[in-house]
Amino acid sequence: MKAMRKYAAFVGFECQINAYGVSKASEVGPDADCILVGPQIRYQVDAVKKEVSNVPVEAIDMKAYGMLDGEKVIAQAKRMMGI
């Protein structure tokens, strides 16, 4: 999250980046523009999609996650949101 926030601030992309457990998906997910799931729990993507059917959900690219590549993850989120 820190790398994503840092990159977003660097390029002037205004956004909110928060982390929640999968069990909170139905509670906080409907208000999100997109949901990124850590690669270590990518198997939960379908379960999250069922909880928030109108929000795009994907697993973060494993390489980007491991390398703390905030730029790549922000690019993924923007693509998911169509911006």
N, C-alpha and C. Protein backbone atom coordinates (compact mmCIF):
# COMPACT_ATOMS: atom_id res chain seq x y z
N MET A 1 0.81 -1.19 0.00
CA MET A 1 0.00 0.00 0.00
C MET A 1 0.86 1.26 0.00
N LYS A 2 1.94 1.21 0.76
CA LYS A 2 2.79 2.40 0.83
C LYS A 2 3.34 2.77 -0.55
N ALA A 3 3.78 1.76 -1.30
CA ALA A 3 4.34 2.02 -2.63
C ALA A 3 3.27 2.57 -3.56
N MET A 4 2.05 2.07 -3.45
CA MET A 4 0.96 2.56 -4.28
C MET A 4 0.62 4.00 -3.93
N ARG A 5 0.51 4.27 -2.65
CA ARG A 5 0.21 5.63 -2.20
C ARG A 5 1.30 6.61 -2.62
N LYS A 6 2.55 6.17 -2.47
CA LYS A 6 3.68 7.03 -2.82
C LYS A 6 3.66 7.35 -4.31
N TYR A 7 3.44 6.34 -5.14
CA TYR A 7 3.42 6.58 -6.58
C TYR A 7 2.23 7.46 -6.97
N ALA A 8 1.06 7.17 -6.42
CA ALA A 8 -0.13 7.97 -6.73
C ALA A 8 0.11 9.44 -6.38
N ALA A 9 0.71 9.71 -5.24
CA ALA A 9 1.01 11.09 -4.85
C ALA A 9 2.03 11.72 -5.79
N PHE A 10 3.02 10.93 -6.17
CA PHE A 10 4.08 11.41 -7.06
C PHE A 10 3.52 11.89 -8.40
N VAL A 11 2.55 11.15 -8.94
CA VAL A 11 1.99 11.52 -10.25
C VAL A 11 0.72 12.36 -10.13
N GLY A 12 0.31 12.67 -8.91
CA GLY A 12 -0.87 13.50 -8.71
C GLY A 12 -2.19 12.79 -8.96
N PHE A 13 -2.19 11.49 -8.78
CA PHE A 13 -3.42 10.71 -8.96
C PHE A 13 -4.14 10.65 -7.62
N GLU A 14 -5.24 11.39 -7.52
CA GLU A 14 -5.99 11.42 -6.26
C GLU A 14 -6.81 10.15 -6.11
N CYS A 15 -6.57 9.45 -5.03
CA CYS A 15 -7.30 8.21 -4.78
C CYS A 15 -7.17 7.85 -3.31
N GLN A 16 -8.02 6.94 -2.90
CA GLN A 16 -7.93 6.37 -1.56
C GLN A 16 -7.54 4.92 -1.70
N ILE A 17 -6.54 4.52 -0.95
CA ILE A 17 -6.07 3.14 -0.99
C ILE A 17 -6.16 2.60 0.43
N ASN A 18 -6.98 1.58 0.60
CA ASN A 18 -7.19 1.00 1.92
C ASN A 18 -7.03 -0.51 1.85
N ALA A 19 -6.74 -1.10 2.98
CA ALA A 19 -6.61 -2.56 3.06
C ALA A 19 -7.63 -3.10 4.05
N TYR A 20 -8.28 -4.17 3.63
CA TYR A 20 -9.26 -4.84 4.48
C TYR A 20 -9.13 -6.34 4.28
N GLY A 21 -9.56 -7.09 5.24
CA GLY A 21 -9.62 -8.53 5.10
C GLY A 21 -10.74 -8.91 4.14
N VAL A 22 -10.63 -10.06 3.53
CA VAL A 22 -11.63 -10.54 2.59
C VAL A 22 -13.01 -10.60 3.24
N SER A 23 -13.06 -10.86 4.53
CA SER A 23 -14.35 -10.96 5.23
C SER A 23 -15.11 -9.62 5.24
N LYS A 24 -14.44 -8.53 4.94
CA LYS A 24 -15.07 -7.20 4.92
C LYS A 24 -15.56 -6.82 3.51
N ALA A 25 -15.39 -7.68 2.53
CA ALA A 25 -15.71 -7.34 1.14
C ALA A 25 -17.15 -6.87 0.98
N SER A 26 -18.09 -7.56 1.56
CA SER A 26 -19.50 -7.17 1.38
C SER A 26 -19.82 -5.86 2.10
N GLU A 27 -19.04 -5.54 3.12
CA GLU A 27 -19.27 -4.33 3.90
C GLU A 27 -18.68 -3.08 3.25
N VAL A 28 -17.43 -3.16 2.81
CA VAL A 28 -16.76 -1.97 2.27
C VAL A 28 -16.60 -2.00 0.75
N GLY A 29 -16.69 -3.16 0.15
CA GLY A 29 -16.48 -3.32 -1.28
C GLY A 29 -17.42 -2.55 -2.18
N PRO A 30 -18.72 -2.50 -1.88
CA PRO A 30 -19.64 -1.80 -2.79
C PRO A 30 -19.31 -0.32 -3.00
N ASP A 31 -18.59 0.30 -2.09
CA ASP A 31 -18.21 1.70 -2.22
C ASP A 31 -16.90 1.89 -2.98
N ALA A 32 -16.23 0.79 -3.32
CA ALA A 32 -14.93 0.87 -3.99
C ALA A 32 -15.11 1.02 -5.50
N ASP A 33 -14.12 1.61 -6.13
CA ASP A 33 -14.09 1.70 -7.59
C ASP A 33 -13.46 0.45 -8.19
N CYS A 34 -12.57 -0.17 -7.45
CA CYS A 34 -12.00 -1.46 -7.83
C CYS A 34 -11.42 -2.10 -6.57
N ILE A 35 -11.25 -3.41 -6.64
CA ILE A 35 -10.70 -4.15 -5.51
C ILE A 35 -9.53 -4.99 -6.02
N LEU A 36 -8.39 -4.81 -5.38
CA LEU A 36 -7.20 -5.60 -5.69
C LEU A 36 -6.94 -6.53 -4.51
N VAL A 37 -6.76 -7.79 -4.83
CA VAL A 37 -6.51 -8.83 -3.82
C VAL A 37 -5.04 -9.21 -3.90
N GLY A 38 -4.41 -9.37 -2.76
CA GLY A 38 -3.01 -9.79 -2.74
C GLY A 38 -2.83 -11.12 -3.45
N PRO A 39 -1.69 -11.30 -4.13
CA PRO A 39 -1.48 -12.54 -4.90
C PRO A 39 -1.48 -13.79 -4.04
N GLN A 40 -1.16 -13.66 -2.77
CA GLN A 40 -1.13 -14.82 -1.90
C GLN A 40 -2.53 -15.36 -1.59
N ILE A 41 -3.55 -14.55 -1.85
CA ILE A 41 -4.93 -15.02 -1.65
C ILE A 41 -5.74 -14.86 -2.94
N ARG A 42 -5.09 -15.01 -4.06
CA ARG A 42 -5.77 -14.87 -5.35
C ARG A 42 -6.91 -15.86 -5.50
N TYR A 43 -6.85 -16.96 -4.78
CA TYR A 43 -7.93 -17.95 -4.81
C TYR A 43 -9.24 -17.38 -4.27
N GLN A 44 -9.20 -16.23 -3.60
CA GLN A 44 -10.39 -15.59 -3.04
C GLN A 44 -11.08 -14.62 -4.01
N VAL A 45 -10.49 -14.41 -5.18
CA VAL A 45 -11.03 -13.44 -6.13
C VAL A 45 -12.50 -13.73 -6.46
N ASP A 46 -12.82 -14.97 -6.77
CA ASP A 46 -14.21 -15.30 -7.13
C ASP A 46 -15.17 -15.07 -5.97
N ALA A 47 -14.74 -15.37 -4.76
CA ALA A 47 -15.59 -15.14 -3.59
C ALA A 47 -15.86 -13.65 -3.40
N VAL A 48 -14.84 -12.83 -3.59
CA VAL A 48 -15.01 -11.38 -3.46
C VAL A 48 -15.92 -10.86 -4.57
N LYS A 49 -15.75 -11.37 -5.79
CA LYS A 49 -16.61 -10.95 -6.90
C LYS A 49 -18.08 -11.22 -6.59
N LYS A 50 -18.37 -12.33 -5.94
CA LYS A 50 -19.76 -12.65 -5.58
C LYS A 50 -20.31 -11.66 -4.57
N GLU A 51 -19.46 -11.16 -3.69
CA GLU A 51 -19.89 -10.20 -2.67
C GLU A 51 -20.14 -8.81 -3.24
N VAL A 52 -19.39 -8.44 -4.28
CA VAL A 52 -19.48 -7.09 -4.85
C VAL A 52 -19.57 -7.20 -6.37
N SER A 53 -20.69 -7.65 -6.86
CA SER A 53 -20.84 -7.97 -8.28
C SER A 53 -20.67 -6.78 -9.22
N ASN A 54 -20.81 -5.57 -8.73
CA ASN A 54 -20.70 -4.40 -9.61
C ASN A 54 -19.33 -3.72 -9.54
N VAL A 55 -18.36 -4.31 -8.87
CA VAL A 55 -17.03 -3.73 -8.70
C VAL A 55 -16.00 -4.67 -9.32
N PRO A 56 -15.10 -4.14 -10.17
CA PRO A 56 -14.06 -5.01 -10.73
C PRO A 56 -13.11 -5.51 -9.65
N VAL A 57 -12.79 -6.80 -9.71
CA VAL A 57 -11.92 -7.45 -8.72
C VAL A 57 -10.85 -8.25 -9.45
N GLU A 58 -9.61 -8.05 -9.07
CA GLU A 58 -8.49 -8.81 -9.64
C GLU A 58 -7.44 -9.03 -8.56
N ALA A 59 -6.59 -10.01 -8.81
CA ALA A 59 -5.42 -10.22 -7.95
C ALA A 59 -4.30 -9.31 -8.45
N ILE A 60 -3.54 -8.77 -7.54
CA ILE A 60 -2.38 -7.96 -7.91
C ILE A 60 -1.35 -8.86 -8.56
N ASP A 61 -0.73 -8.36 -9.61
CA ASP A 61 0.34 -9.08 -10.28
C ASP A 61 1.41 -9.47 -9.26
N MET A 62 1.77 -10.75 -9.23
CA MET A 62 2.70 -11.26 -8.22
C MET A 62 4.06 -10.57 -8.27
N LYS A 63 4.57 -10.34 -9.46
CA LYS A 63 5.87 -9.69 -9.59
C LYS A 63 5.82 -8.25 -9.09
N ALA A 64 4.77 -7.53 -9.48
CA ALA A 64 4.62 -6.13 -9.03
C ALA A 64 4.50 -6.08 -7.51
N TYR A 65 3.75 -7.02 -6.95
CA TYR A 65 3.57 -7.07 -5.49
C TYR A 65 4.91 -7.34 -4.80
N GLY A 66 5.62 -8.33 -5.28
CA GLY A 66 6.89 -8.71 -4.67
C GLY A 66 7.96 -7.64 -4.77
N MET A 67 7.91 -6.86 -5.85
CA MET A 67 8.92 -5.82 -6.06
C MET A 67 8.45 -4.46 -5.53
N LEU A 68 7.28 -4.44 -4.88
CA LEU A 68 6.72 -3.19 -4.36
C LEU A 68 6.62 -2.14 -5.46
N ASP A 69 6.16 -2.57 -6.64
CA ASP A 69 6.07 -1.70 -7.80
C ASP A 69 4.72 -0.97 -7.80
N GLY A 70 4.67 0.13 -7.06
CA GLY A 70 3.45 0.91 -6.96
C GLY A 70 2.95 1.41 -8.30
N GLU A 71 3.86 1.74 -9.19
CA GLU A 71 3.48 2.24 -10.52
C GLU A 71 2.67 1.18 -11.27
N LYS A 72 3.15 -0.04 -11.25
CA LYS A 72 2.48 -1.12 -11.98
C LYS A 72 1.11 -1.43 -11.37
N VAL A 73 1.01 -1.40 -10.05
CA VAL A 73 -0.26 -1.71 -9.40
C VAL A 73 -1.27 -0.58 -9.63
N ILE A 74 -0.81 0.66 -9.60
CA ILE A 74 -1.70 1.78 -9.90
C ILE A 74 -2.17 1.69 -11.34
N ALA A 75 -1.29 1.30 -12.25
CA ALA A 75 -1.68 1.13 -13.65
C ALA A 75 -2.75 0.04 -13.78
N GLN A 76 -2.60 -1.03 -13.03
CA GLN A 76 -3.60 -2.10 -13.03
C GLN A 76 -4.95 -1.58 -12.54
N ALA A 77 -4.93 -0.84 -11.44
CA ALA A 77 -6.18 -0.28 -10.88
C ALA A 77 -6.83 0.68 -11.88
N LYS A 78 -6.05 1.52 -12.53
CA LYS A 78 -6.60 2.46 -13.51
C LYS A 78 -7.23 1.70 -14.67
N ARG A 79 -6.57 0.66 -15.14
CA ARG A 79 -7.11 -0.14 -16.24
C ARG A 79 -8.44 -0.75 -15.82
N MET A 80 -8.51 -1.27 -14.59
CA MET A 80 -9.74 -1.88 -14.08
C MET A 80 -10.88 -0.87 -14.05
N MET A 81 -10.55 0.38 -13.73
CA MET A 81 -11.57 1.43 -13.62
C MET A 81 -11.84 2.11 -14.95
N GLY A 82 -11.07 1.75 -15.99
CA GLY A 82 -11.28 2.35 -17.30
C GLY A 82 -10.77 3.75 -17.43
N ILE A 83 -9.70 4.07 -16.69
CA ILE A 83 -9.11 5.42 -16.79
C ILE A 83 -7.64 5.33 -17.15
